[in-house]
Amino acid sequence: MEVEFTARKVRISKVLRTQAEEGLERIARMLGKTASASVTFSAQKLLQFAEVTIVARQQTIAAEGKGATLAIALRQALAHAENQARKHRDRRMASKRLPKEEKILTAPPVARPKARAAQPNADEEQRSGRGGKAKARASIAVHSFPARRAVVEPHIIESSEAVALRPLTIEEAVKEVEFRDRDLLVFRNPSGDLYVLHRRRDGHMELLEIP
């Protein structure tokens, strides 16, 4: 994985570079070796910050950490990024198995063919015409009814964490979703327009504007 380092008002030691490269190598095994990453270190008053951004083929991960030292901030940011990468890998594997399960669940019930009425052959017709008594045959139709689908009631949980309390740009909203490790965010842009940002099954982020 290609890693780009940026330092703002801080100095990046060789130990920090090694720690960042080892952590990003673990994440690359889950996202693919074609992913690229950037690590930014900065300081503000008594706090040190580390921001990790990883761009993969179907996923963009942004994570931030802060602490008393740059090493603590980097470990926190890498832990958030690794957790997001693991969830993305699990969702991708689940989506690959989903079509087979849907085919099994939505398969139509097997219906038995209706029995056809038995038709008398030529010998029986001749015997019945000569005055012989032929036994009457009755056919019984077999009906099959489709099985009822099981109705599963959705489990609804109230949550206020999916609503941003301050105006955000689209880039800030994407980073906020990744940092909170959520799939949905309702926010307003600086102009006051209302948007909904959510993650689809394939991992792409979809933006909806509320009229």
N, C-alpha and C. Protein backbone atom coordinates (compact mmCIF):
# COMPACT_ATOMS: atom_id res chain seq x y z
N MET A 1 0.85 -1.19 0.00
CA MET A 1 0.00 0.00 0.00
C MET A 1 0.89 1.25 0.00
N GLU A 2 0.57 2.21 -0.87
CA GLU A 2 1.30 3.46 -0.91
C GLU A 2 0.78 4.38 0.20
N VAL A 3 1.71 4.93 1.00
CA VAL A 3 1.35 5.76 2.15
C VAL A 3 2.02 7.12 1.99
N GLU A 4 1.23 8.19 2.16
CA GLU A 4 1.74 9.55 2.10
C GLU A 4 1.62 10.19 3.48
N PHE A 5 2.71 10.73 3.99
CA PHE A 5 2.75 11.33 5.33
C PHE A 5 2.79 12.85 5.20
N THR A 6 2.03 13.51 6.11
CA THR A 6 2.00 14.97 6.16
C THR A 6 2.13 15.40 7.63
N ALA A 7 3.01 16.36 7.90
CA ALA A 7 3.24 16.86 9.26
C ALA A 7 2.90 18.34 9.32
N ARG A 8 2.08 18.72 10.30
CA ARG A 8 1.71 20.12 10.50
C ARG A 8 2.09 20.53 11.92
N LYS A 9 3.14 21.32 12.02
CA LYS A 9 3.64 21.83 13.30
C LYS A 9 4.15 20.72 14.21
N VAL A 10 4.45 19.54 13.65
CA VAL A 10 5.00 18.43 14.43
C VAL A 10 6.11 17.78 13.61
N ARG A 11 6.81 16.87 14.26
CA ARG A 11 7.89 16.14 13.61
C ARG A 11 7.54 14.65 13.62
N ILE A 12 7.64 14.00 12.45
CA ILE A 12 7.29 12.58 12.33
C ILE A 12 8.57 11.77 12.51
N SER A 13 8.59 10.96 13.54
CA SER A 13 9.76 10.13 13.80
C SER A 13 9.71 8.84 12.98
N LYS A 14 10.82 8.15 12.93
CA LYS A 14 10.88 6.88 12.21
C LYS A 14 10.00 5.83 12.85
N VAL A 15 9.89 5.89 14.20
CA VAL A 15 9.03 4.92 14.92
C VAL A 15 7.57 5.11 14.52
N LEU A 16 7.13 6.39 14.40
CA LEU A 16 5.75 6.65 13.99
C LEU A 16 5.49 6.15 12.57
N ARG A 17 6.44 6.36 11.67
CA ARG A 17 6.27 5.88 10.30
C ARG A 17 6.13 4.35 10.27
N THR A 18 6.97 3.67 11.04
CA THR A 18 6.89 2.20 11.07
C THR A 18 5.57 1.74 11.65
N GLN A 19 5.12 2.40 12.73
CA GLN A 19 3.84 2.03 13.34
C GLN A 19 2.68 2.24 12.37
N ALA A 20 2.70 3.35 11.64
CA ALA A 20 1.63 3.62 10.68
C ALA A 20 1.64 2.63 9.53
N GLU A 21 2.81 2.30 9.01
CA GLU A 21 2.90 1.37 7.88
C GLU A 21 2.45 -0.04 8.28
N GLU A 22 2.81 -0.47 9.49
CA GLU A 22 2.37 -1.80 9.93
C GLU A 22 0.86 -1.86 10.11
N GLY A 23 0.27 -0.81 10.69
CA GLY A 23 -1.18 -0.80 10.86
C GLY A 23 -1.92 -0.74 9.54
N LEU A 24 -1.43 0.06 8.59
CA LEU A 24 -2.08 0.15 7.29
C LEU A 24 -1.90 -1.13 6.48
N GLU A 25 -0.84 -1.87 6.72
CA GLU A 25 -0.64 -3.14 6.02
C GLU A 25 -1.71 -4.15 6.44
N ARG A 26 -2.08 -4.14 7.74
CA ARG A 26 -3.16 -5.03 8.19
C ARG A 26 -4.48 -4.67 7.52
N ILE A 27 -4.74 -3.37 7.39
CA ILE A 27 -5.99 -2.94 6.75
C ILE A 27 -5.98 -3.27 5.26
N ALA A 28 -4.81 -3.20 4.62
CA ALA A 28 -4.72 -3.49 3.19
C ALA A 28 -5.08 -4.94 2.89
N ARG A 29 -4.83 -5.85 3.84
CA ARG A 29 -5.20 -7.25 3.60
C ARG A 29 -6.70 -7.42 3.49
N MET A 30 -7.48 -6.52 4.12
CA MET A 30 -8.95 -6.60 4.06
C MET A 30 -9.53 -5.82 2.89
N LEU A 31 -8.89 -4.72 2.48
CA LEU A 31 -9.43 -3.88 1.40
C LEU A 31 -8.80 -4.17 0.05
N GLY A 32 -7.63 -4.79 0.04
CA GLY A 32 -6.94 -5.04 -1.22
C GLY A 32 -5.66 -4.22 -1.30
N LYS A 33 -4.67 -4.78 -1.99
CA LYS A 33 -3.36 -4.13 -2.06
C LYS A 33 -3.36 -2.90 -2.98
N THR A 34 -4.43 -2.69 -3.75
CA THR A 34 -4.48 -1.52 -4.63
C THR A 34 -4.87 -0.25 -3.89
N ALA A 35 -5.20 -0.36 -2.62
CA ALA A 35 -5.62 0.80 -1.85
C ALA A 35 -4.42 1.71 -1.58
N SER A 36 -4.70 3.01 -1.42
CA SER A 36 -3.68 3.99 -1.07
C SER A 36 -4.12 4.72 0.19
N ALA A 37 -3.16 5.26 0.93
CA ALA A 37 -3.48 5.87 2.22
C ALA A 37 -2.67 7.14 2.41
N SER A 38 -3.21 8.03 3.24
CA SER A 38 -2.50 9.25 3.64
C SER A 38 -2.67 9.43 5.14
N VAL A 39 -1.59 9.81 5.83
CA VAL A 39 -1.59 10.00 7.27
C VAL A 39 -1.13 11.42 7.55
N THR A 40 -1.95 12.16 8.31
CA THR A 40 -1.64 13.55 8.63
C THR A 40 -1.50 13.71 10.15
N PHE A 41 -0.38 14.25 10.59
CA PHE A 41 -0.15 14.51 12.01
C PHE A 41 -0.20 16.02 12.24
N SER A 42 -0.85 16.42 13.34
CA SER A 42 -0.94 17.84 13.68
C SER A 42 -1.04 17.98 15.19
N ALA A 43 -0.89 19.22 15.64
CA ALA A 43 -0.96 19.51 17.07
C ALA A 43 -1.75 20.78 17.29
N GLN A 44 -2.50 20.80 18.40
CA GLN A 44 -3.29 21.97 18.76
C GLN A 44 -3.28 22.11 20.28
N LYS A 45 -2.60 23.10 20.76
CA LYS A 45 -2.42 23.32 22.19
C LYS A 45 -1.76 22.09 22.82
N LEU A 46 -2.48 21.40 23.74
CA LEU A 46 -1.87 20.26 24.43
C LEU A 46 -2.26 18.92 23.81
N LEU A 47 -3.03 18.93 22.72
CA LEU A 47 -3.49 17.69 22.09
C LEU A 47 -2.75 17.43 20.78
N GLN A 48 -2.49 16.14 20.52
CA GLN A 48 -1.88 15.71 19.27
C GLN A 48 -2.94 14.96 18.45
N PHE A 49 -2.96 15.18 17.15
CA PHE A 49 -3.97 14.59 16.28
C PHE A 49 -3.31 13.76 15.19
N ALA A 50 -4.00 12.66 14.83
CA ALA A 50 -3.58 11.83 13.70
C ALA A 50 -4.82 11.51 12.86
N GLU A 51 -4.75 11.82 11.59
CA GLU A 51 -5.88 11.59 10.67
C GLU A 51 -5.44 10.61 9.59
N VAL A 52 -6.21 9.52 9.44
CA VAL A 52 -5.88 8.47 8.47
C VAL A 52 -6.99 8.42 7.42
N THR A 53 -6.63 8.49 6.15
CA THR A 53 -7.58 8.38 5.04
C THR A 53 -7.11 7.28 4.10
N ILE A 54 -7.99 6.32 3.82
CA ILE A 54 -7.65 5.18 2.96
C ILE A 54 -8.65 5.16 1.80
N VAL A 55 -8.14 5.11 0.58
CA VAL A 55 -8.98 5.08 -0.62
C VAL A 55 -8.78 3.73 -1.29
N ALA A 56 -9.86 2.91 -1.30
CA ALA A 56 -9.85 1.60 -1.96
C ALA A 56 -10.71 1.66 -3.20
N ARG A 57 -10.85 0.53 -3.87
CA ARG A 57 -11.60 0.50 -5.13
C ARG A 57 -13.09 0.77 -4.90
N GLN A 58 -13.67 0.25 -3.80
CA GLN A 58 -15.09 0.41 -3.54
C GLN A 58 -15.37 1.05 -2.19
N GLN A 59 -14.37 1.61 -1.55
CA GLN A 59 -14.58 2.13 -0.21
C GLN A 59 -13.56 3.23 0.10
N THR A 60 -14.01 4.26 0.81
CA THR A 60 -13.13 5.31 1.31
C THR A 60 -13.31 5.38 2.82
N ILE A 61 -12.22 5.24 3.54
CA ILE A 61 -12.24 5.21 5.01
C ILE A 61 -11.51 6.44 5.53
N ALA A 62 -12.14 7.13 6.48
CA ALA A 62 -11.52 8.28 7.14
C ALA A 62 -11.66 8.10 8.64
N ALA A 63 -10.56 8.17 9.36
CA ALA A 63 -10.56 7.98 10.80
C ALA A 63 -9.63 8.98 11.44
N GLU A 64 -9.96 9.39 12.66
CA GLU A 64 -9.17 10.39 13.36
C GLU A 64 -8.94 9.95 14.80
N GLY A 65 -7.78 10.25 15.32
CA GLY A 65 -7.44 9.95 16.70
C GLY A 65 -6.76 11.13 17.35
N LYS A 66 -6.91 11.24 18.67
CA LYS A 66 -6.26 12.33 19.38
C LYS A 66 -5.80 11.83 20.74
N GLY A 67 -4.76 12.47 21.27
CA GLY A 67 -4.22 12.05 22.55
C GLY A 67 -3.09 12.97 22.99
N ALA A 68 -2.49 12.59 24.09
CA ALA A 68 -1.40 13.40 24.63
C ALA A 68 -0.15 13.30 23.78
N THR A 69 0.03 12.19 23.07
CA THR A 69 1.19 12.01 22.20
C THR A 69 0.71 11.59 20.82
N LEU A 70 1.61 11.74 19.83
CA LEU A 70 1.26 11.34 18.46
C LEU A 70 1.08 9.83 18.35
N ALA A 71 1.82 9.06 19.14
CA ALA A 71 1.69 7.60 19.09
C ALA A 71 0.30 7.16 19.55
N ILE A 72 -0.23 7.78 20.62
CA ILE A 72 -1.57 7.45 21.11
C ILE A 72 -2.62 7.83 20.07
N ALA A 73 -2.49 9.01 19.49
CA ALA A 73 -3.45 9.45 18.47
C ALA A 73 -3.41 8.53 17.25
N LEU A 74 -2.23 8.09 16.85
CA LEU A 74 -2.12 7.20 15.69
C LEU A 74 -2.75 5.85 15.97
N ARG A 75 -2.51 5.28 17.16
CA ARG A 75 -3.12 3.98 17.49
C ARG A 75 -4.64 4.08 17.48
N GLN A 76 -5.17 5.18 17.99
CA GLN A 76 -6.63 5.36 18.00
C GLN A 76 -7.19 5.47 16.59
N ALA A 77 -6.53 6.23 15.74
CA ALA A 77 -7.00 6.39 14.36
C ALA A 77 -6.92 5.07 13.59
N LEU A 78 -5.84 4.31 13.77
CA LEU A 78 -5.71 3.03 13.08
C LEU A 78 -6.75 2.02 13.56
N ALA A 79 -7.09 2.07 14.87
CA ALA A 79 -8.11 1.16 15.39
C ALA A 79 -9.47 1.47 14.77
N HIS A 80 -9.83 2.76 14.64
CA HIS A 80 -11.10 3.13 14.00
C HIS A 80 -11.10 2.70 12.54
N ALA A 81 -10.02 2.93 11.83
CA ALA A 81 -9.95 2.57 10.41
C ALA A 81 -10.04 1.06 10.22
N GLU A 82 -9.37 0.29 11.07
CA GLU A 82 -9.42 -1.17 10.95
C GLU A 82 -10.81 -1.70 11.23
N ASN A 83 -11.52 -1.09 12.19
CA ASN A 83 -12.89 -1.51 12.48
C ASN A 83 -13.81 -1.25 11.30
N GLN A 84 -13.66 -0.09 10.64
CA GLN A 84 -14.47 0.21 9.46
C GLN A 84 -14.15 -0.74 8.31
N ALA A 85 -12.88 -1.05 8.10
CA ALA A 85 -12.49 -1.97 7.03
C ALA A 85 -13.05 -3.36 7.28
N ARG A 86 -13.06 -3.81 8.53
CA ARG A 86 -13.59 -5.13 8.84
C ARG A 86 -15.09 -5.19 8.57
N LYS A 87 -15.83 -4.12 8.92
CA LYS A 87 -17.26 -4.10 8.66
C LYS A 87 -17.55 -4.07 7.15
N HIS A 88 -16.75 -3.31 6.41
CA HIS A 88 -16.92 -3.27 4.94
C HIS A 88 -16.68 -4.64 4.34
N ARG A 89 -15.66 -5.36 4.81
CA ARG A 89 -15.38 -6.70 4.29
C ARG A 89 -16.52 -7.65 4.61
N ASP A 90 -17.09 -7.57 5.83
CA ASP A 90 -18.19 -8.45 6.21
C ASP A 90 -19.43 -8.16 5.38
N ARG A 91 -19.73 -6.86 5.14
CA ARG A 91 -20.89 -6.52 4.31
C ARG A 91 -20.72 -7.02 2.89
N ARG A 92 -19.50 -6.92 2.35
CA ARG A 92 -19.25 -7.38 0.98
C ARG A 92 -19.42 -8.88 0.87
N MET A 93 -18.95 -9.63 1.86
CA MET A 93 -19.11 -11.09 1.83
C MET A 93 -20.56 -11.47 2.01
N ALA A 94 -21.31 -10.74 2.83
CA ALA A 94 -22.72 -11.04 3.02
C ALA A 94 -23.53 -10.75 1.77
N SER A 95 -23.17 -9.67 1.04
CA SER A 95 -23.90 -9.34 -0.18
C SER A 95 -23.66 -10.37 -1.28
N LYS A 96 -22.50 -11.03 -1.28
CA LYS A 96 -22.24 -12.07 -2.28
C LYS A 96 -23.07 -13.31 -2.01
N ARG A 97 -23.35 -13.58 -0.74
CA ARG A 97 -24.14 -14.77 -0.41
C ARG A 97 -25.63 -14.50 -0.47
N LEU A 98 -26.05 -13.22 -0.50
CA LEU A 98 -27.46 -12.88 -0.41
C LEU A 98 -28.30 -13.40 -1.56
N PRO A 99 -27.88 -13.31 -2.84
CA PRO A 99 -28.75 -13.79 -3.92
C PRO A 99 -29.13 -15.25 -3.80
N LYS A 100 -28.21 -16.14 -3.36
CA LYS A 100 -28.54 -17.54 -3.21
C LYS A 100 -29.61 -17.75 -2.15
N GLU A 101 -29.52 -17.01 -1.04
CA GLU A 101 -30.50 -17.14 0.02
C GLU A 101 -31.86 -16.65 -0.46
N GLU A 102 -31.87 -15.54 -1.25
CA GLU A 102 -33.15 -15.03 -1.73
C GLU A 102 -33.82 -16.01 -2.67
N LYS A 103 -33.02 -16.73 -3.49
CA LYS A 103 -33.61 -17.71 -4.38
C LYS A 103 -34.27 -18.83 -3.60
N ILE A 104 -33.66 -19.24 -2.49
CA ILE A 104 -34.23 -20.32 -1.69
C ILE A 104 -35.51 -19.86 -1.02
N LEU A 105 -35.52 -18.60 -0.50
CA LEU A 105 -36.67 -18.11 0.23
C LEU A 105 -37.85 -17.83 -0.68
N THR A 106 -37.59 -17.36 -1.91
CA THR A 106 -38.67 -16.96 -2.81
C THR A 106 -39.02 -18.03 -3.83
N ALA A 107 -38.54 -19.27 -3.65
CA ALA A 107 -38.87 -20.33 -4.59
C ALA A 107 -40.35 -20.64 -4.52
N PRO A 108 -41.07 -20.77 -5.65
CA PRO A 108 -42.50 -21.03 -5.61
C PRO A 108 -42.77 -22.44 -5.11
N PRO A 109 -43.91 -22.64 -4.43
CA PRO A 109 -44.24 -23.98 -3.92
C PRO A 109 -44.50 -24.95 -5.07
N VAL A 110 -44.13 -26.17 -4.83
CA VAL A 110 -44.33 -27.21 -5.84
C VAL A 110 -45.78 -27.62 -5.85
N ALA A 111 -46.43 -27.51 -7.00
CA ALA A 111 -47.85 -27.87 -7.12
C ALA A 111 -47.97 -29.21 -7.81
N ARG A 112 -48.84 -30.03 -7.27
CA ARG A 112 -49.07 -31.33 -7.88
C ARG A 112 -49.94 -31.18 -9.13
N PRO A 113 -49.61 -31.88 -10.21
CA PRO A 113 -50.43 -31.79 -11.43
C PRO A 113 -51.79 -32.42 -11.20
N LYS A 114 -52.80 -31.79 -11.78
CA LYS A 114 -54.15 -32.32 -11.66
C LYS A 114 -54.29 -33.63 -12.45
N ALA A 115 -54.95 -34.57 -11.83
CA ALA A 115 -55.14 -35.86 -12.49
C ALA A 115 -56.13 -35.71 -13.65
N ARG A 116 -55.74 -36.23 -14.77
CA ARG A 116 -56.62 -36.16 -15.94
C ARG A 116 -57.70 -37.25 -15.86
N ALA A 117 -58.87 -36.92 -16.38
CA ALA A 117 -59.97 -37.89 -16.38
C ALA A 117 -59.64 -39.03 -17.33
N ALA A 118 -59.82 -40.25 -16.82
CA ALA A 118 -59.51 -41.42 -17.63
C ALA A 118 -60.52 -41.56 -18.76
N GLN A 119 -60.00 -41.74 -19.98
CA GLN A 119 -60.87 -41.89 -21.14
C GLN A 119 -61.00 -43.37 -21.49
N PRO A 120 -62.20 -43.86 -21.77
CA PRO A 120 -62.38 -45.27 -22.11
C PRO A 120 -61.72 -45.58 -23.44
N ASN A 121 -61.12 -46.78 -23.53
CA ASN A 121 -60.49 -47.17 -24.78
C ASN A 121 -61.51 -47.73 -25.75
N ALA A 122 -61.03 -48.14 -26.92
CA ALA A 122 -61.95 -48.58 -27.98
C ALA A 122 -62.68 -49.86 -27.60
N ASP A 123 -61.98 -50.82 -26.90
CA ASP A 123 -62.64 -52.08 -26.54
C ASP A 123 -63.78 -51.85 -25.57
N GLU A 124 -63.59 -50.91 -24.62
CA GLU A 124 -64.65 -50.64 -23.65
C GLU A 124 -65.84 -50.00 -24.34
N GLU A 125 -65.54 -49.12 -25.34
CA GLU A 125 -66.66 -48.49 -26.05
C GLU A 125 -67.45 -49.54 -26.82
N GLN A 126 -66.71 -50.52 -27.43
CA GLN A 126 -67.43 -51.56 -28.18
C GLN A 126 -68.28 -52.41 -27.25
N ARG A 127 -67.69 -52.73 -26.03
CA ARG A 127 -68.47 -53.55 -25.10
C ARG A 127 -69.69 -52.81 -24.59
N SER A 128 -69.50 -51.50 -24.35
CA SER A 128 -70.66 -50.73 -23.87
C SER A 128 -71.70 -50.60 -24.98
N GLY A 129 -71.25 -50.58 -26.23
CA GLY A 129 -72.21 -50.49 -27.32
C GLY A 129 -72.96 -51.78 -27.52
N ARG A 130 -72.36 -52.93 -27.21
CA ARG A 130 -73.03 -54.22 -27.37
C ARG A 130 -73.97 -54.53 -26.21
N GLY A 131 -74.03 -53.63 -25.25
CA GLY A 131 -74.93 -53.91 -24.13
C GLY A 131 -74.19 -54.32 -22.89
N GLY A 132 -72.82 -54.42 -22.98
CA GLY A 132 -72.07 -54.79 -21.78
C GLY A 132 -72.00 -53.61 -20.82
N LYS A 133 -71.95 -53.90 -19.56
CA LYS A 133 -71.90 -52.85 -18.55
C LYS A 133 -70.45 -52.52 -18.23
N ALA A 134 -70.06 -51.27 -18.44
CA ALA A 134 -68.71 -50.82 -18.12
C ALA A 134 -68.73 -50.04 -16.82
N LYS A 135 -67.71 -50.26 -16.02
CA LYS A 135 -67.64 -49.58 -14.72
C LYS A 135 -67.28 -48.10 -14.95
N ALA A 136 -68.01 -47.26 -14.26
CA ALA A 136 -67.73 -45.82 -14.37
C ALA A 136 -66.49 -45.47 -13.56
N ARG A 137 -65.66 -44.62 -14.15
CA ARG A 137 -64.43 -44.17 -13.49
C ARG A 137 -64.56 -42.69 -13.15
N ALA A 138 -64.17 -42.35 -11.93
CA ALA A 138 -64.23 -40.96 -11.47
C ALA A 138 -62.82 -40.46 -11.19
N SER A 139 -62.54 -39.22 -11.58
CA SER A 139 -61.23 -38.62 -11.34
C SER A 139 -61.34 -37.58 -10.22
N ILE A 140 -60.32 -37.53 -9.40
CA ILE A 140 -60.29 -36.59 -8.27
C ILE A 140 -59.15 -35.61 -8.51
N ALA A 141 -59.48 -34.33 -8.56
CA ALA A 141 -58.45 -33.30 -8.77
C ALA A 141 -57.78 -32.97 -7.44
N VAL A 142 -56.47 -32.94 -7.47
CA VAL A 142 -55.69 -32.61 -6.27
C VAL A 142 -55.24 -31.17 -6.36
N HIS A 143 -55.59 -30.37 -5.36
CA HIS A 143 -55.22 -28.96 -5.34
C HIS A 143 -54.12 -28.72 -4.31
N SER A 144 -53.20 -27.84 -4.65
CA SER A 144 -52.15 -27.46 -3.70
C SER A 144 -52.21 -25.95 -3.50
N PHE A 145 -52.16 -25.52 -2.27
CA PHE A 145 -52.25 -24.11 -1.95
C PHE A 145 -50.86 -23.57 -1.63
N PRO A 146 -50.55 -22.37 -2.09
CA PRO A 146 -49.20 -21.81 -1.81
C PRO A 146 -49.01 -21.58 -0.32
N ALA A 147 -47.80 -21.85 0.12
CA ALA A 147 -47.49 -21.65 1.54
C ALA A 147 -47.47 -20.18 1.87
N ARG A 148 -47.96 -19.84 3.06
CA ARG A 148 -47.97 -18.44 3.49
C ARG A 148 -46.58 -18.01 3.90
N ARG A 149 -46.21 -16.80 3.49
CA ARG A 149 -44.91 -16.28 3.86
C ARG A 149 -44.93 -15.80 5.31
N ALA A 150 -43.86 -16.09 5.99
CA ALA A 150 -43.75 -15.66 7.38
C ALA A 150 -43.54 -14.15 7.43
N VAL A 151 -44.31 -13.48 8.27
CA VAL A 151 -44.23 -12.03 8.42
C VAL A 151 -43.35 -11.72 9.61
N VAL A 152 -42.25 -11.01 9.35
CA VAL A 152 -41.31 -10.65 10.41
C VAL A 152 -41.46 -9.17 10.70
N GLU A 153 -41.83 -8.84 11.92
CA GLU A 153 -41.99 -7.44 12.28
C GLU A 153 -40.63 -6.78 12.47
N PRO A 154 -40.41 -5.62 11.89
CA PRO A 154 -39.11 -4.95 12.05
C PRO A 154 -38.90 -4.46 13.47
N HIS A 155 -37.67 -4.52 13.92
CA HIS A 155 -37.31 -4.05 15.25
C HIS A 155 -36.79 -2.62 15.12
N ILE A 156 -37.52 -1.67 15.65
CA ILE A 156 -37.20 -0.26 15.49
C ILE A 156 -36.54 0.26 16.76
N ILE A 157 -35.40 0.94 16.57
CA ILE A 157 -34.65 1.52 17.69
C ILE A 157 -34.54 3.02 17.43
N GLU A 158 -34.94 3.82 18.42
CA GLU A 158 -34.83 5.26 18.29
C GLU A 158 -33.38 5.69 18.54
N SER A 159 -32.90 6.64 17.72
CA SER A 159 -31.52 7.10 17.85
C SER A 159 -31.44 8.54 17.38
N SER A 160 -30.68 9.34 18.10
CA SER A 160 -30.46 10.74 17.72
C SER A 160 -29.05 10.96 17.22
N GLU A 161 -28.21 9.89 17.16
CA GLU A 161 -26.84 10.04 16.73
C GLU A 161 -26.72 10.21 15.22
N ALA A 162 -27.79 9.93 14.47
CA ALA A 162 -27.74 10.03 13.01
C ALA A 162 -28.05 11.44 12.52
N VAL A 163 -28.21 12.40 13.43
CA VAL A 163 -28.53 13.77 13.05
C VAL A 163 -27.35 14.67 13.42
N ALA A 164 -26.83 15.42 12.47
CA ALA A 164 -25.73 16.34 12.73
C ALA A 164 -26.28 17.62 13.37
N LEU A 165 -25.62 18.08 14.42
CA LEU A 165 -26.10 19.25 15.15
C LEU A 165 -25.62 20.57 14.56
N ARG A 166 -24.63 20.53 13.66
CA ARG A 166 -24.12 21.75 13.06
C ARG A 166 -24.09 21.59 11.55
N PRO A 167 -24.12 22.69 10.79
CA PRO A 167 -24.06 22.59 9.32
C PRO A 167 -22.74 21.96 8.86
N LEU A 168 -22.83 21.12 7.83
CA LEU A 168 -21.67 20.40 7.31
C LEU A 168 -21.64 20.50 5.79
N THR A 169 -20.44 20.51 5.24
CA THR A 169 -20.30 20.32 3.81
C THR A 169 -20.40 18.83 3.50
N ILE A 170 -20.48 18.48 2.22
CA ILE A 170 -20.61 17.07 1.86
C ILE A 170 -19.36 16.31 2.27
N GLU A 171 -18.18 16.91 2.07
CA GLU A 171 -16.93 16.23 2.47
C GLU A 171 -16.88 16.02 3.98
N GLU A 172 -17.32 17.03 4.74
CA GLU A 172 -17.34 16.88 6.19
C GLU A 172 -18.35 15.83 6.63
N ALA A 173 -19.49 15.74 5.92
CA ALA A 173 -20.50 14.73 6.26
C ALA A 173 -19.97 13.32 6.03
N VAL A 174 -19.22 13.12 4.93
CA VAL A 174 -18.64 11.80 4.67
C VAL A 174 -17.65 11.42 5.77
N LYS A 175 -16.80 12.36 6.17
CA LYS A 175 -15.86 12.08 7.24
C LYS A 175 -16.58 11.82 8.56
N GLU A 176 -17.69 12.55 8.79
CA GLU A 176 -18.44 12.35 10.03
C GLU A 176 -19.06 10.96 10.09
N VAL A 177 -19.57 10.48 8.95
CA VAL A 177 -20.14 9.12 8.90
C VAL A 177 -19.07 8.07 9.18
N GLU A 178 -17.89 8.25 8.58
CA GLU A 178 -16.81 7.29 8.79
C GLU A 178 -16.30 7.35 10.22
N PHE A 179 -16.19 8.57 10.77
CA PHE A 179 -15.66 8.69 12.13
C PHE A 179 -16.62 8.12 13.16
N ARG A 180 -17.94 8.35 12.96
CA ARG A 180 -18.94 7.78 13.88
C ARG A 180 -19.19 6.30 13.63
N ASP A 181 -18.69 5.80 12.48
CA ASP A 181 -18.87 4.40 12.11
C ASP A 181 -20.36 4.06 12.01
N ARG A 182 -21.11 4.91 11.27
CA ARG A 182 -22.53 4.71 11.05
C ARG A 182 -22.81 4.66 9.55
N ASP A 183 -24.02 4.18 9.18
CA ASP A 183 -24.41 4.07 7.78
C ASP A 183 -25.40 5.15 7.36
N LEU A 184 -25.77 6.07 8.27
CA LEU A 184 -26.79 7.06 7.95
C LEU A 184 -26.48 8.36 8.69
N LEU A 185 -26.68 9.50 8.00
CA LEU A 185 -26.48 10.81 8.63
C LEU A 185 -27.42 11.81 7.96
N VAL A 186 -28.17 12.54 8.80
CA VAL A 186 -29.05 13.61 8.33
C VAL A 186 -28.39 14.93 8.73
N PHE A 187 -28.18 15.83 7.76
CA PHE A 187 -27.46 17.07 8.04
C PHE A 187 -27.95 18.18 7.12
N ARG A 188 -27.58 19.41 7.51
CA ARG A 188 -27.83 20.59 6.68
C ARG A 188 -26.50 21.16 6.22
N ASN A 189 -26.47 21.66 5.00
CA ASN A 189 -25.25 22.31 4.51
C ASN A 189 -25.22 23.75 4.99
N PRO A 190 -24.12 24.47 4.80
CA PRO A 190 -24.06 25.87 5.25
C PRO A 190 -25.15 26.77 4.68
N SER A 191 -25.77 26.39 3.55
CA SER A 191 -26.85 27.19 2.96
C SER A 191 -28.20 26.89 3.59
N GLY A 192 -28.27 25.84 4.42
CA GLY A 192 -29.54 25.49 5.08
C GLY A 192 -30.31 24.39 4.39
N ASP A 193 -29.80 23.81 3.30
CA ASP A 193 -30.49 22.71 2.62
C ASP A 193 -30.33 21.42 3.41
N LEU A 194 -31.37 20.60 3.40
CA LEU A 194 -31.38 19.36 4.18
C LEU A 194 -31.00 18.18 3.29
N TYR A 195 -30.07 17.34 3.77
CA TYR A 195 -29.59 16.19 3.02
C TYR A 195 -29.60 14.94 3.91
N VAL A 196 -29.64 13.78 3.25
CA VAL A 196 -29.51 12.48 3.91
C VAL A 196 -28.39 11.73 3.22
N LEU A 197 -27.40 11.31 3.98
CA LEU A 197 -26.26 10.56 3.45
C LEU A 197 -26.29 9.17 4.05
N HIS A 198 -26.32 8.15 3.19
CA HIS A 198 -26.36 6.78 3.71
C HIS A 198 -25.50 5.88 2.84
N ARG A 199 -25.06 4.75 3.45
CA ARG A 199 -24.20 3.79 2.78
C ARG A 199 -25.04 2.65 2.22
N ARG A 200 -24.87 2.34 0.92
CA ARG A 200 -25.59 1.25 0.30
C ARG A 200 -24.91 -0.08 0.59
N ARG A 201 -25.55 -1.19 0.14
CA ARG A 201 -24.99 -2.51 0.39
C ARG A 201 -23.64 -2.72 -0.28
N ASP A 202 -23.45 -2.08 -1.44
CA ASP A 202 -22.18 -2.26 -2.14
C ASP A 202 -21.06 -1.40 -1.58
N GLY A 203 -21.33 -0.64 -0.51
CA GLY A 203 -20.30 0.17 0.12
C GLY A 203 -20.24 1.60 -0.36
N HIS A 204 -20.94 1.96 -1.44
CA HIS A 204 -20.92 3.32 -1.96
C HIS A 204 -21.81 4.21 -1.09
N MET A 205 -21.42 5.49 -1.00
CA MET A 205 -22.19 6.47 -0.25
C MET A 205 -23.19 7.14 -1.20
N GLU A 206 -24.46 7.23 -0.78
CA GLU A 206 -25.52 7.85 -1.59
C GLU A 206 -26.04 9.08 -0.89
N LEU A 207 -26.16 10.19 -1.63
CA LEU A 207 -26.59 11.47 -1.07
C LEU A 207 -27.98 11.81 -1.60
N LEU A 208 -28.92 12.10 -0.69
CA LEU A 208 -30.29 12.45 -1.05
C LEU A 208 -30.59 13.85 -0.55
N GLU A 209 -31.13 14.68 -1.43
CA GLU A 209 -31.53 16.04 -1.04
C GLU A 209 -33.01 16.05 -0.73
N ILE A 210 -33.38 16.54 0.45
CA ILE A 210 -34.78 16.59 0.86
C ILE A 210 -35.39 17.90 0.34
N PRO A 211 -36.41 17.83 -0.52
CA PRO A 211 -36.99 19.07 -1.07
C PRO A 211 -37.76 19.84 -0.01
